[in-house]
N, C-alpha and C. Protein backbone atom coordinates (compact mmCIF):
# COMPACT_ATOMS: atom_id res chain seq x y z
N MET A 1 0.89 -1.67 0.14
CA MET A 1 -0.07 -0.41 0.24
C MET A 1 1.05 1.36 0.16
N ALA A 2 2.06 1.18 0.84
CA ALA A 2 2.92 2.46 0.79
C ALA A 2 4.15 2.74 -0.46
N LYS A 3 3.86 1.66 -1.22
CA LYS A 3 4.21 1.32 -2.01
C LYS A 3 3.53 1.72 -2.75
N ASN A 4 2.74 2.27 -3.89
CA ASN A 4 1.79 2.50 -4.30
C ASN A 4 2.13 4.05 -4.11
N TYR A 5 1.32 4.82 -2.73
CA TYR A 5 1.49 6.28 -2.96
C TYR A 5 2.64 6.86 -2.97
N ILE A 6 4.11 5.99 -2.82
CA ILE A 6 4.88 6.54 -2.70
C ILE A 6 5.12 7.27 -4.22
N LEU A 7 5.12 6.05 -5.46
CA LEU A 7 4.52 5.57 -6.41
C LEU A 7 4.16 6.44 -7.19
N MET A 8 2.64 6.66 -7.15
CA MET A 8 2.01 7.98 -7.67
C MET A 8 2.76 9.63 -7.01
N PHE A 9 3.41 9.77 -5.55
CA PHE A 9 3.41 10.69 -5.77
C PHE A 9 4.62 11.25 -6.56
N LEU A 10 5.69 10.31 -7.14
CA LEU A 10 6.71 10.42 -7.52
C LEU A 10 6.22 10.18 -9.02
N CYS A 11 5.43 9.61 -10.31
CA CYS A 11 4.22 10.80 -11.04
C CYS A 11 4.61 12.12 -11.05
N PHE A 12 3.99 11.79 -10.20
CA PHE A 12 3.49 13.69 -10.04
C PHE A 12 4.65 14.35 -9.90
N VAL A 13 5.32 13.86 -8.62
CA VAL A 13 6.71 15.10 -9.19
C VAL A 13 7.20 15.21 -11.10
N LEU A 14 7.93 13.51 -11.62
CA LEU A 14 7.88 13.65 -12.95
C LEU A 14 7.05 14.91 -13.24
N ALA A 15 6.12 14.44 -14.05
CA ALA A 15 4.96 14.52 -14.91
C ALA A 15 4.99 16.79 -14.32
N LEU A 16 5.29 16.86 -13.03
CA LEU A 16 5.75 18.42 -12.88
C LEU A 16 6.65 19.32 -13.68
N ILE A 17 8.10 17.87 -13.52
CA ILE A 17 9.00 18.62 -13.84
C ILE A 17 8.47 18.56 -14.98
N GLY A 18 8.20 17.65 -15.88
CA GLY A 18 8.63 17.33 -18.29
C GLY A 18 7.79 19.01 -17.88
N LYS A 19 6.53 18.83 -17.60
CA LYS A 19 5.61 19.74 -17.72
C LYS A 19 6.52 21.18 -17.98
N ASN A 20 7.07 21.56 -17.20
CA ASN A 20 8.20 22.92 -16.48
C ASN A 20 8.89 23.04 -18.20
N HIS A 21 10.11 21.75 -17.67
CA HIS A 21 11.05 21.90 -18.67
C HIS A 21 10.20 21.61 -20.83
N PHE A 22 8.88 20.89 -20.95
CA PHE A 22 8.73 20.59 -21.77
C PHE A 22 7.92 21.24 -22.63
N TRP A 23 7.10 21.40 -21.87
CA TRP A 23 5.91 22.46 -22.31
C TRP A 23 5.82 24.00 -21.40
N PRO A 24 6.70 24.90 -21.42
CA PRO A 24 6.67 26.49 -20.37
C PRO A 24 5.63 27.12 -21.08
N ASN A 25 5.00 27.82 -19.52
CA ASN A 25 4.49 29.10 -19.47
C ASN A 25 4.23 28.94 -20.62
N THR A 26 3.35 29.76 -21.26
CA THR A 26 3.03 30.48 -23.50
C THR A 26 2.75 31.70 -22.09
N THR A 27 1.94 32.40 -22.15
CA THR A 27 0.67 32.92 -21.06
C THR A 27 1.86 34.38 -21.14
N GLU A 28 3.18 33.60 -20.21
CA GLU A 28 3.68 34.99 -19.72
C GLU A 28 5.01 35.44 -21.06
N THR A 29 5.24 34.80 -21.96
CA THR A 29 5.43 35.34 -23.38
C THR A 29 4.75 35.74 -24.28
N ALA A 30 3.49 36.17 -24.17
CA ALA A 30 2.53 36.29 -24.87
C ALA A 30 2.06 38.14 -24.61
N SER A 31 1.80 38.99 -24.68
CA SER A 31 1.63 40.84 -24.51
C SER A 31 0.39 40.07 -24.47
N THR A 32 -0.09 40.80 -22.59
CA THR A 32 -1.27 40.99 -22.73
C THR A 32 -2.65 42.34 -23.07
N ASN A 33 -1.85 43.49 -23.04
CA ASN A 33 -1.75 44.58 -23.93
C ASN A 33 -1.25 44.94 -25.12
N THR A 34 -2.28 44.26 -26.25
CA THR A 34 -2.90 44.58 -27.74
C THR A 34 -2.49 46.61 -28.92
N LYS A 35 -3.83 47.32 -27.18
CA LYS A 35 -3.23 47.49 -27.47
C LYS A 35 -1.64 49.03 -26.83
N PRO A 36 -1.42 49.46 -28.96
CA PRO A 36 0.13 49.84 -29.40
C PRO A 36 -0.33 51.56 -27.84
N VAL A 37 1.59 51.61 -27.02
CA VAL A 37 1.24 53.93 -26.79
C VAL A 37 1.20 54.46 -28.33
N LYS A 38 0.65 55.57 -27.96
CA LYS A 38 1.10 56.03 -29.19
C LYS A 38 1.76 57.29 -29.06
N GLN A 39 3.25 57.61 -29.68
CA GLN A 39 3.92 58.59 -29.03
C GLN A 39 4.11 59.30 -29.87
N ASN A 40 3.22 59.82 -31.30
CA ASN A 40 3.00 60.21 -32.03
C ASN A 40 1.82 60.20 -33.29
N ASN A 41 0.81 61.06 -32.82
CA ASN A 41 0.12 60.45 -34.43
C ASN A 41 0.84 60.83 -35.43
N SER A 42 1.59 61.53 -35.93
CA SER A 42 1.70 61.04 -37.56
C SER A 42 3.33 60.10 -37.16
N GLU A 43 3.72 59.58 -36.23
CA GLU A 43 4.08 58.68 -36.52
C GLU A 43 3.33 56.74 -36.70
N MET A 44 3.10 55.97 -36.09
CA MET A 44 1.70 55.94 -35.89
C MET A 44 1.10 56.27 -37.09
N LYS A 45 0.74 55.07 -37.82
CA LYS A 45 -0.13 54.77 -38.75
C LYS A 45 -1.09 53.33 -38.45
N GLU A 46 -2.57 53.51 -38.85
CA GLU A 46 -3.60 52.44 -38.56
C GLU A 46 -3.46 51.95 -39.90
N GLU A 47 -3.64 50.25 -40.78
CA GLU A 47 -4.04 49.88 -41.44
C GLU A 47 -4.97 48.59 -41.78
N VAL A 48 -5.97 48.59 -42.35
CA VAL A 48 -7.15 47.81 -41.78
C VAL A 48 -6.18 46.31 -42.99
N ALA A 49 -5.88 45.03 -42.20
CA ALA A 49 -5.95 44.21 -42.71
C ALA A 49 -6.70 43.23 -43.38
N ALA A 50 -6.87 42.79 -42.86
CA ALA A 50 -8.83 42.27 -43.51
C ALA A 50 -10.00 42.95 -42.61
N GLU A 51 -10.70 41.96 -43.94
CA GLU A 51 -12.57 41.89 -42.93
C GLU A 51 -13.27 41.06 -43.03
N TYR A 52 -13.68 41.05 -41.84
CA TYR A 52 -14.32 39.14 -41.64
C TYR A 52 -15.45 39.50 -41.62
N SER A 53 -16.62 38.40 -42.39
CA SER A 53 -18.28 38.40 -42.43
C SER A 53 -18.80 39.19 -40.84
N ASP A 54 -18.38 38.34 -39.62
CA ASP A 54 -18.30 39.08 -38.39
C ASP A 54 -18.65 39.76 -38.06
N GLY A 55 -17.67 41.43 -38.73
CA GLY A 55 -16.94 42.97 -38.64
C GLY A 55 -15.92 42.19 -38.24
N LEU A 56 -15.44 41.44 -37.77
CA LEU A 56 -13.76 41.12 -37.25
C LEU A 56 -13.60 41.85 -37.97
N GLN A 57 -12.26 43.67 -37.02
CA GLN A 57 -11.50 43.94 -38.44
C GLN A 57 -9.93 43.61 -38.38
N GLU A 58 -9.08 42.96 -38.55
CA GLU A 58 -7.14 42.64 -38.88
C GLU A 58 -6.84 44.18 -38.27
N VAL A 59 -6.63 44.72 -37.78
CA VAL A 59 -5.71 46.07 -37.88
C VAL A 59 -4.52 45.95 -37.56
N HIS A 60 -3.24 46.29 -38.59
CA HIS A 60 -1.94 46.43 -38.28
C HIS A 60 -1.86 48.22 -38.09
N VAL A 61 -1.17 48.13 -37.15
CA VAL A 61 -0.80 49.91 -35.77
C VAL A 61 0.42 49.47 -35.89
N TYR A 62 0.88 50.29 -36.53
CA TYR A 62 2.60 50.36 -36.58
C TYR A 62 3.49 51.85 -37.20
N ASN A 63 4.63 52.25 -35.94
CA ASN A 63 5.33 53.30 -36.37
C ASN A 63 5.77 53.01 -37.31
N LYS A 64 5.88 54.89 -38.94
CA LYS A 64 6.24 54.48 -39.88
C LYS A 64 7.90 54.61 -39.72
N ASN A 65 8.72 55.07 -38.93
CA ASN A 65 9.48 55.09 -39.25
C ASN A 65 10.53 54.21 -38.89
N THR A 66 10.32 52.72 -37.18
CA THR A 66 10.77 52.17 -37.70
C THR A 66 9.84 50.37 -38.07
N GLY A 67 9.25 50.54 -38.61
CA GLY A 67 8.28 49.26 -38.38
C GLY A 67 7.58 48.51 -37.52
N ASP A 68 7.94 48.37 -36.34
CA ASP A 68 7.33 47.89 -35.14
C ASP A 68 5.96 48.47 -35.12
N GLY A 69 5.21 47.42 -34.48
CA GLY A 69 3.80 46.96 -34.62
C GLY A 69 3.44 46.38 -33.91
N VAL A 70 1.90 46.15 -34.00
CA VAL A 70 1.64 45.30 -33.10
C VAL A 70 -0.04 44.40 -34.44
N VAL A 71 -1.15 43.64 -34.78
CA VAL A 71 -1.61 43.84 -34.79
C VAL A 71 -3.33 43.27 -34.24
N VAL A 72 -3.81 43.76 -34.01
CA VAL A 72 -5.46 44.34 -32.54
C VAL A 72 -6.55 44.03 -34.25
N TYR A 73 -7.44 43.15 -33.40
CA TYR A 73 -8.87 42.68 -33.27
C TYR A 73 -9.46 43.54 -33.12
N ARG A 74 -10.77 43.99 -34.08
CA ARG A 74 -11.44 45.27 -33.49
C ARG A 74 -12.61 44.75 -33.95
N LYS A 75 -14.45 45.34 -33.54
CA LYS A 75 -15.68 45.13 -33.86
C LYS A 75 -15.60 46.47 -34.31
N LYS A 76 -15.56 46.09 -36.07
CA LYS A 76 -15.71 47.21 -37.12
C LYS A 76 -17.06 47.52 -36.85
N HIS A 77 -19.00 46.87 -36.50
CA HIS A 77 -19.83 48.25 -35.30
C HIS A 77 -19.15 49.55 -34.32
N GLN A 78 -17.78 49.15 -33.61
CA GLN A 78 -17.85 49.81 -32.62
C GLN A 78 -17.04 50.29 -32.87
N ILE A 79 -16.29 50.39 -34.21
CA ILE A 79 -15.54 51.94 -34.16
C ILE A 79 -16.66 52.23 -34.61
N GLU A 80 -17.09 52.20 -35.89
CA GLU A 80 -18.34 52.81 -36.32
C GLU A 80 -19.12 53.81 -35.33
N ARG A 81 -19.63 53.34 -34.60
CA ARG A 81 -20.65 53.51 -32.94
C ARG A 81 -19.97 54.72 -32.73
N ARG A 82 -18.64 54.52 -32.43
CA ARG A 82 -17.63 55.11 -31.75
C ARG A 82 -17.57 56.93 -32.60
N THR A 83 -17.12 56.33 -33.80
CA THR A 83 -16.62 57.27 -34.49
C THR A 83 -18.26 58.31 -34.60
N ARG A 84 -19.38 58.17 -34.12
CA ARG A 84 -20.34 58.55 -35.21
C ARG A 84 -20.86 58.98 -33.99
N ASN A 85 -20.83 59.16 -32.23
CA ASN A 85 -21.01 60.01 -31.72
C ASN A 85 -20.34 60.80 -31.46
N ILE A 86 -18.54 60.75 -31.50
CA ILE A 86 -18.33 61.32 -31.62
C ILE A 86 -18.54 62.33 -31.77
N LYS A 87 -18.81 62.46 -33.13
CA LYS A 87 -19.61 63.52 -34.89
C LYS A 87 -21.06 64.28 -33.98
N PHE A 88 -21.03 63.81 -33.10
CA PHE A 88 -23.00 63.94 -33.60
C PHE A 88 -22.75 64.67 -31.73
N VAL A 89 -21.87 64.56 -31.57
CA VAL A 89 -21.55 65.25 -30.73
C VAL A 89 -20.85 66.78 -30.55
N GLN A 90 -20.66 66.55 -31.25
CA GLN A 90 -20.28 67.70 -31.58
C GLN A 90 -20.83 68.64 -32.54
N LYS A 91 -21.88 68.24 -33.56
CA LYS A 91 -22.96 68.92 -34.09
C LYS A 91 -23.97 69.68 -32.74
N SER A 92 -24.92 68.56 -31.76
CA SER A 92 -25.97 68.80 -31.69
C SER A 92 -25.24 67.74 -29.85
N ASN A 93 -26.97 68.45 -29.01
CA ASN A 93 -26.90 67.40 -28.65
C ASN A 93 -27.45 66.35 -28.69
N THR A 94 -28.25 65.90 -29.33
CA THR A 94 -29.22 64.34 -29.54
C THR A 94 -27.52 63.36 -29.97
N ARG A 95 -28.03 62.29 -29.15
CA ARG A 95 -26.78 61.73 -29.25
C ARG A 95 -26.03 60.62 -30.25
N ASP A 96 -27.32 60.19 -31.09
CA ASP A 96 -27.01 59.48 -32.51
C ASP A 96 -27.91 59.91 -33.88
N PHE A 97 -28.27 61.20 -33.50
CA PHE A 97 -29.13 61.00 -34.17
C PHE A 97 -28.55 62.74 -35.50
N ASP A 98 -28.37 62.78 -36.41
CA ASP A 98 -27.89 64.24 -37.12
C ASP A 98 -28.61 65.67 -36.41
N SER A 99 -30.20 65.84 -36.51
CA SER A 99 -30.26 66.41 -35.54
C SER A 99 -31.88 66.12 -34.35
N PRO A 100 -31.77 67.69 -34.46
CA PRO A 100 -32.75 67.67 -32.78
C PRO A 100 -34.58 66.79 -33.28
N LYS A 101 -34.46 67.25 -34.89
CA LYS A 101 -36.05 67.28 -35.59
C LYS A 101 -36.09 64.76 -35.62
N GLU A 102 -34.80 64.68 -35.71
CA GLU A 102 -35.09 63.07 -36.15
C GLU A 102 -34.25 62.16 -34.53
N TYR A 103 -34.40 63.26 -33.97
CA TYR A 103 -34.51 62.62 -32.18
C TYR A 103 -35.45 62.49 -32.26
N ASP A 104 -36.94 64.17 -32.30
CA ASP A 104 -38.07 63.29 -32.48
C ASP A 104 -39.17 62.80 -31.94
N ASN A 105 -38.26 61.80 -33.43
CA ASN A 105 -39.08 61.55 -34.54
C ASN A 105 -38.38 60.05 -33.62
N PHE A 106 -37.70 60.03 -33.43
CA PHE A 106 -37.66 58.76 -32.23
C PHE A 106 -37.88 58.79 -31.56
N ALA A 107 -37.98 58.90 -30.95
CA ALA A 107 -37.97 59.21 -29.26
C ALA A 107 -40.13 58.82 -29.09
N GLN A 108 -40.52 59.35 -30.36
CA GLN A 108 -42.23 58.50 -31.04
C GLN A 108 -41.77 58.01 -31.06
N ARG A 109 -41.05 57.55 -31.79
CA ARG A 109 -41.59 55.65 -32.18
C ARG A 109 -41.67 55.45 -31.17
N GLU A 110 -40.30 55.32 -30.63
CA GLU A 110 -39.52 54.21 -29.46
C GLU A 110 -40.99 54.58 -28.05
N ALA A 111 -41.80 55.25 -27.70
CA ALA A 111 -42.51 56.05 -26.97
C ALA A 111 -44.73 54.67 -26.88
N GLN A 112 -43.72 55.07 -28.90
CA GLN A 112 -45.23 54.66 -29.13
C GLN A 112 -45.03 52.99 -29.01
N GLN A 113 -44.28 52.69 -29.46
CA GLN A 113 -43.55 51.15 -29.09
C GLN A 113 -43.66 50.47 -27.80
N LYS A 114 -43.51 51.46 -27.61
CA LYS A 114 -43.26 51.50 -25.52
C LYS A 114 -45.17 51.12 -25.06
N LYS A 115 -45.68 51.49 -25.69
CA LYS A 115 -47.24 52.37 -25.49
C LYS A 115 -47.47 50.65 -25.76
N ARG A 116 -47.64 50.56 -26.34
CA ARG A 116 -47.99 48.89 -27.70
C ARG A 116 -48.43 47.74 -26.83
N ILE A 117 -46.56 47.97 -26.28
CA ILE A 117 -45.77 46.75 -25.23
C ILE A 117 -46.79 46.62 -24.11
N GLU A 118 -46.74 47.66 -23.08
CA GLU A 118 -48.21 47.76 -22.15
C GLU A 118 -48.96 46.94 -22.13
N ASP A 119 -49.61 47.60 -23.19
CA ASP A 119 -50.85 47.45 -23.44
C ASP A 119 -51.29 45.99 -24.08
N VAL A 120 -50.74 45.32 -24.60
CA VAL A 120 -50.63 43.78 -24.64
C VAL A 120 -50.28 43.60 -23.83
N ILE A 121 -49.54 44.81 -22.89
CA ILE A 121 -49.33 42.71 -21.16
C ILE A 121 -50.56 42.94 -20.59
N LYS A 122 -50.90 44.26 -20.31
CA LYS A 122 -52.37 44.32 -19.95
C LYS A 122 -53.37 43.58 -20.58
N ALA A 123 -53.81 44.11 -21.12
CA ALA A 123 -54.51 42.33 -21.47
C ALA A 123 -54.39 41.82 -21.33
N ASP A 124 -53.15 40.46 -21.86
CA ASP A 124 -52.81 39.29 -21.76
C ASP A 124 -52.59 39.85 -19.79
N VAL A 125 -52.34 40.30 -18.96
CA VAL A 125 -53.26 40.21 -17.18
C VAL A 125 -54.29 40.11 -17.41
N ARG A 126 -55.72 40.52 -17.90
CA ARG A 126 -56.90 41.12 -17.82
C ARG A 126 -57.24 39.72 -18.55
N LYS A 127 -56.90 38.65 -19.33
CA LYS A 127 -56.83 37.56 -20.18
C LYS A 127 -57.18 36.56 -19.19
N GLU A 128 -55.74 37.22 -18.53
CA GLU A 128 -56.13 35.54 -17.00
C GLU A 128 -56.66 35.83 -16.02
N GLN A 129 -57.26 37.39 -15.89
CA GLN A 129 -57.55 37.47 -14.14
C GLN A 129 -59.26 36.32 -15.23
N ARG A 130 -59.89 36.24 -16.59
CA ARG A 130 -60.69 36.37 -16.60
C ARG A 130 -60.83 34.97 -16.39
N GLU A 131 -60.12 34.49 -16.41
CA GLU A 131 -59.97 32.30 -17.14
C GLU A 131 -59.61 32.32 -15.50
N ARG A 132 -59.28 33.03 -14.81
CA ARG A 132 -58.72 32.87 -13.05
C ARG A 132 -60.54 32.91 -13.06
N GLN A 133 -61.24 34.30 -12.93
CA GLN A 133 -62.45 33.77 -12.40
C GLN A 133 -64.20 32.19 -12.70
N LYS A 134 -63.16 32.09 -14.36
CA LYS A 134 -64.08 31.54 -14.95
C LYS A 134 -64.34 30.10 -13.79
N GLN A 135 -62.64 30.06 -13.50
CA GLN A 135 -62.31 28.63 -13.27
C GLN A 135 -63.15 28.84 -11.62
N LYS A 136 -62.87 29.62 -11.05
CA LYS A 136 -63.83 30.35 -9.04
C LYS A 136 -64.81 29.88 -9.24
N ASN A 137 -65.30 30.40 -10.15
CA ASN A 137 -66.95 29.87 -10.50
C ASN A 137 -67.86 29.10 -10.85
N LEU A 138 -66.88 28.32 -12.22
CA LEU A 138 -67.12 26.72 -12.01
C LEU A 138 -67.08 26.01 -10.93
N LYS A 139 -65.85 26.18 -10.11
CA LYS A 139 -65.79 25.11 -9.00
C LYS A 139 -66.80 25.94 -7.85
N TYR A 140 -67.27 27.26 -7.73
CA TYR A 140 -68.67 27.03 -6.61
C TYR A 140 -70.21 26.72 -6.86
N LYS A 141 -69.80 26.38 -8.40
CA LYS A 141 -71.39 25.86 -9.43
C LYS A 141 -71.15 24.77 -8.73
N ASN A 142 -69.85 23.40 -8.91
CA ASN A 142 -70.28 22.08 -9.24
C ASN A 142 -70.59 22.25 -7.75
N ARG A 143 -69.21 23.10 -6.47
CA ARG A 143 -69.73 22.75 -5.24
C ARG A 143 -70.81 22.63 -4.47
N LYS A 144 -71.41 23.67 -4.77
CA LYS A 144 -73.84 23.97 -4.57
C LYS A 144 -74.25 22.88 -4.80
N LYS A 145 -73.99 22.05 -6.72
CA LYS A 145 -73.94 20.79 -6.72
C LYS A 145 -74.22 19.81 -5.57
């Protein structure tokens, strides 16, 4: 019995040594920060290398003088949304729209849609209440007989 425990302990120690020797920890060598530090906007250049169907973009960001850089993966719609918000904030106080009139139309549509949803929910609640009342009435009638 003691032989089995000693044998298991030795196998465990050998496995740890072998793992660290043959398969070193790769997370230490990988860079966790994918965003480059921008020193000067004129030196840094961004170039879209590839666009994928799910909206993911492969962007190469590098220094024009030295050629050093990194590959960054971004979602295209997030970049567009961020630039769009910046543009509209400069134009007016409405967040995602070109004009206040467009924002008012959107707000009106949202209010109408919210009211429709509330009406449907109220109708469902009323229907459930009617069903419960019918069940109670049937139980009462059956009990009287």
